[in-house]
């Protein structure tokens, strides 16, 4: 099936990488809510 655009593929991969960071506890080192931390990675 594949991705229709490069941007869609990038967003999907960024989301997967963010999920891995959350799972490994790398985003929760500070007292910043997860949604604000995600916004930093989303750019």
PDB file of N, CA and C in Angstrom:
ATOM      1  N   UNK A   1       0.824  -1.182   0.000  1.00  0.00           N
ATOM      2  CA  UNK A   1       0.000   0.000   0.000  1.00  0.00           C
ATOM      3  C   UNK A   1       0.877   1.259   0.000  1.00  0.00           C
ATOM      4  N   UNK A   2       1.690   1.469   1.016  1.00  0.00           N
ATOM      5  CA  UNK A   2       2.634   2.579   1.006  1.00  0.00           C
ATOM      6  C   UNK A   2       2.038   3.916   1.407  1.00  0.00           C
ATOM      7  N   UNK A   3       2.909   4.927   1.438  1.00  0.00           N
ATOM      8  CA  UNK A   3       2.508   6.279   1.787  1.00  0.00           C
ATOM      9  C   UNK A   3       2.309   7.087   0.518  1.00  0.00           C
ATOM     10  N   UNK A   4       1.343   7.990   0.549  1.00  0.00           N
ATOM     11  CA  UNK A   4       1.070   8.801  -0.636  1.00  0.00           C
ATOM     12  C   UNK A   4       2.021   9.972  -0.768  1.00  0.00           C
ATOM     13  N   UNK A   5       2.514  10.474   0.365  1.00  0.00           N
ATOM     14  CA  UNK A   5       3.447  11.600   0.318  1.00  0.00           C
ATOM     15  C   UNK A   5       4.607  11.354   1.278  1.00  0.00           C
ATOM     16  N   UNK A   6       5.700  12.030   1.024  1.00  0.00           N
ATOM     17  CA  UNK A   6       6.852  11.940   1.909  1.00  0.00           C
ATOM     18  C   UNK A   6       6.518  12.512   3.282  1.00  0.00           C
ATOM     19  N   UNK A   7       5.751  13.595   3.303  1.00  0.00           N
ATOM     20  CA  UNK A   7       5.392  14.237   4.567  1.00  0.00           C
ATOM     21  C   UNK A   7       4.583  13.285   5.450  1.00  0.00           C
ATOM     22  N   UNK A   8       3.671  12.528   4.887  1.00  0.00           N
ATOM     23  CA  UNK A   8       2.887  11.566   5.654  1.00  0.00           C
ATOM     24  C   UNK A   8       3.784  10.477   6.234  1.00  0.00           C
ATOM     25  N   UNK A   9       4.756  10.026   5.478  1.00  0.00           N
ATOM     26  CA  UNK A   9       5.697   9.022   5.974  1.00  0.00           C
ATOM     27  C   UNK A   9       6.524   9.594   7.122  1.00  0.00           C
ATOM     28  N   UNK A  10       6.974  10.840   6.995  1.00  0.00           N
ATOM     29  CA  UNK A  10       7.767  11.475   8.042  1.00  0.00           C
ATOM     30  C   UNK A  10       6.970  11.629   9.322  1.00  0.00           C
ATOM     31  N   UNK A  11       5.741  12.073   9.221  1.00  0.00           N
ATOM     32  CA  UNK A  11       4.900  12.248  10.406  1.00  0.00           C
ATOM     33  C   UNK A  11       4.666  10.912  11.100  1.00  0.00           C
ATOM     34  N   UNK A  12       4.450   9.867  10.322  1.00  0.00           N
ATOM     35  CA  UNK A  12       4.221   8.541  10.888  1.00  0.00           C
ATOM     36  C   UNK A  12       5.461   8.046  11.620  1.00  0.00           C
ATOM     37  N   UNK A  13       6.619   8.190  11.009  1.00  0.00           N
ATOM     38  CA  UNK A  13       7.865   7.751  11.636  1.00  0.00           C
ATOM     39  C   UNK A  13       8.155   8.580  12.885  1.00  0.00           C
ATOM     40  N   UNK A  14       7.918   9.883  12.837  1.00  0.00           N
ATOM     41  CA  UNK A  14       8.106  10.730  14.014  1.00  0.00           C
ATOM     42  C   UNK A  14       7.217  10.267  15.168  1.00  0.00           C
ATOM     43  N   UNK A  15       5.990   9.890  14.854  1.00  0.00           N
ATOM     44  CA  UNK A  15       5.074   9.394  15.887  1.00  0.00           C
ATOM     45  C   UNK A  15       5.554   8.091  16.495  1.00  0.00           C
ATOM     46  N   UNK A  16       6.077   7.212  15.667  1.00  0.00           N
ATOM     47  CA  UNK A  16       6.606   5.938  16.167  1.00  0.00           C
ATOM     48  C   UNK A  16       7.807   6.187  17.074  1.00  0.00           C
ATOM     49  N   UNK A  17       8.698   7.084  16.663  1.00  0.00           N
ATOM     50  CA  UNK A  17       9.874   7.405  17.476  1.00  0.00           C
ATOM     51  C   UNK A  17       9.458   8.029  18.804  1.00  0.00           C
ATOM     52  N   UNK A  18       8.459   8.893  18.788  1.00  0.00           N
ATOM     53  CA  UNK A  18       7.969   9.514  20.011  1.00  0.00           C
ATOM     54  C   UNK A  18       7.376   8.471  20.943  1.00  0.00           C
ATOM     55  N   UNK A  19       6.628   7.520  20.386  1.00  0.00           N
ATOM     56  CA  UNK A  19       6.055   6.449  21.202  1.00  0.00           C
ATOM     57  C   UNK A  19       7.157   5.634  21.867  1.00  0.00           C
ATOM     58  N   UNK A  20       8.243   5.381  21.169  1.00  0.00           N
ATOM     59  CA  UNK A  20       9.368   4.651  21.751  1.00  0.00           C
ATOM     60  C   UNK A  20      10.003   5.451  22.889  1.00  0.00           C
ATOM     61  N   UNK A  21      10.141   6.761  22.704  1.00  0.00           N
ATOM     62  CA  UNK A  21      10.711   7.599  23.760  1.00  0.00           C
ATOM     63  C   UNK A  21       9.829   7.579  25.007  1.00  0.00           C
ATOM     64  N   UNK A  22       8.518   7.648  24.808  1.00  0.00           N
ATOM     65  CA  UNK A  22       7.598   7.615  25.942  1.00  0.00           C
ATOM     66  C   UNK A  22       7.696   6.270  26.645  1.00  0.00           C
ATOM     67  N   UNK A  23       7.709   5.200  25.875  1.00  0.00           N
ATOM     68  CA  UNK A  23       7.767   3.857  26.440  1.00  0.00           C
ATOM     69  C   UNK A  23       9.044   3.649  27.240  1.00  0.00           C
ATOM     70  N   UNK A  24      10.139   4.227  26.784  1.00  0.00           N
ATOM     71  CA  UNK A  24      11.420   4.077  27.475  1.00  0.00           C
ATOM     72  C   UNK A  24      11.599   5.075  28.610  1.00  0.00           C
ATOM     73  N   UNK A  25      10.630   5.964  28.795  1.00  0.00           N
ATOM     74  CA  UNK A  25      10.692   6.930  29.886  1.00  0.00           C
ATOM     75  C   UNK A  25      11.623   8.086  29.650  1.00  0.00           C
ATOM     76  N   UNK A  26      11.995   8.333  28.421  1.00  0.00           N
ATOM     77  CA  UNK A  26      12.948   9.414  28.131  1.00  0.00           C
ATOM     78  C   UNK A  26      12.293  10.788  28.085  1.00  0.00           C
ATOM     79  N   UNK A  27      10.977  10.836  27.961  1.00  0.00           N
ATOM     80  CA  UNK A  27      10.303  12.130  27.913  1.00  0.00           C
ATOM     81  C   UNK A  27       9.879  12.607  29.291  1.00  0.00           C
ATOM     82  N   UNK A  28       9.779  11.716  30.255  1.00  0.00           N
ATOM     83  CA  UNK A  28       9.227  12.089  31.553  1.00  0.00           C
ATOM     84  C   UNK A  28      10.289  12.471  32.572  1.00  0.00           C
ATOM     85  N   UNK A  29      11.478  12.816  32.144  1.00  0.00           N
ATOM     86  CA  UNK A  29      12.541  13.187  33.063  1.00  0.00           C
ATOM     87  C   UNK A  29      12.294  14.499  33.776  1.00  0.00           C
ATOM     88  N   UNK A  30      11.517  15.378  33.175  1.00  0.00           N
ATOM     89  CA  UNK A  30      11.213  16.669  33.772  1.00  0.00           C
ATOM     90  C   UNK A  30       9.746  16.694  34.173  1.00  0.00           C
ATOM     91  N   UNK A  31       9.350  17.712  34.914  1.00  0.00           N
ATOM     92  CA  UNK A  31       7.957  17.834  35.325  1.00  0.00           C
ATOM     93  C   UNK A  31       7.142  18.599  34.295  1.00  0.00           C
ATOM     94  N   UNK A  32       7.280  18.228  33.051  1.00  0.00           N
ATOM     95  CA  UNK A  32       6.537  18.839  31.959  1.00  0.00           C
ATOM     96  C   UNK A  32       5.501  17.827  31.496  1.00  0.00           C
ATOM     97  N   UNK A  33       4.236  18.258  31.333  1.00  0.00           N
ATOM     98  CA  UNK A  33       3.221  17.314  30.872  1.00  0.00           C
ATOM     99  C   UNK A  33       3.606  16.682  29.529  1.00  0.00           C
ATOM    100  N   UNK A  34       3.197  15.437  29.351  1.00  0.00           N
ATOM    101  CA  UNK A  34       3.563  14.690  28.151  1.00  0.00           C
ATOM    102  C   UNK A  34       3.087  15.399  26.897  1.00  0.00           C
ATOM    103  N   UNK A  35       1.872  15.981  26.913  1.00  0.00           N
ATOM    104  CA  UNK A  35       1.377  16.631  25.706  1.00  0.00           C
ATOM    105  C   UNK A  35       2.253  17.803  25.285  1.00  0.00           C
ATOM    106  N   UNK A  36       2.834  18.536  26.242  1.00  0.00           N
ATOM    107  CA  UNK A  36       3.735  19.632  25.889  1.00  0.00           C
ATOM    108  C   UNK A  36       5.069  19.094  25.386  1.00  0.00           C
ATOM    109  N   UNK A  37       5.521  17.973  25.936  1.00  0.00           N
ATOM    110  CA  UNK A  37       6.746  17.351  25.461  1.00  0.00           C
ATOM    111  C   UNK A  37       6.565  16.869  24.037  1.00  0.00           C
ATOM    112  N   UNK A  38       5.398  16.325  23.724  1.00  0.00           N
ATOM    113  CA  UNK A  38       5.125  15.860  22.365  1.00  0.00           C
ATOM    114  C   UNK A  38       5.123  17.007  21.370  1.00  0.00           C
ATOM    115  N   UNK A  39       4.623  18.171  21.814  1.00  0.00           N
ATOM    116  CA  UNK A  39       4.595  19.327  20.930  1.00  0.00           C
ATOM    117  C   UNK A  39       6.007  19.758  20.559  1.00  0.00           C
ATOM    118  N   UNK A  40       6.963  19.588  21.469  1.00  0.00           N
ATOM    119  CA  UNK A  40       8.359  19.930  21.188  1.00  0.00           C
ATOM    120  C   UNK A  40       8.896  19.027  20.081  1.00  0.00           C
ATOM    121  N   UNK A  41       8.596  17.725  20.172  1.00  0.00           N
ATOM    122  CA  UNK A  41       9.076  16.787  19.170  1.00  0.00           C
ATOM    123  C   UNK A  41       8.338  16.940  17.851  1.00  0.00           C
ATOM    124  N   UNK A  42       7.081  17.339  17.908  1.00  0.00           N
ATOM    125  CA  UNK A  42       6.292  17.483  16.688  1.00  0.00           C
ATOM    126  C   UNK A  42       6.777  18.673  15.870  1.00  0.00           C
ATOM    127  N   UNK A  43       7.357  19.644  16.536  1.00  0.00           N
ATOM    128  CA  UNK A  43       7.924  20.797  15.839  1.00  0.00           C
ATOM    129  C   UNK A  43       6.874  21.636  15.263  1.00  0.00           C
TER     130      UNK A  43
END
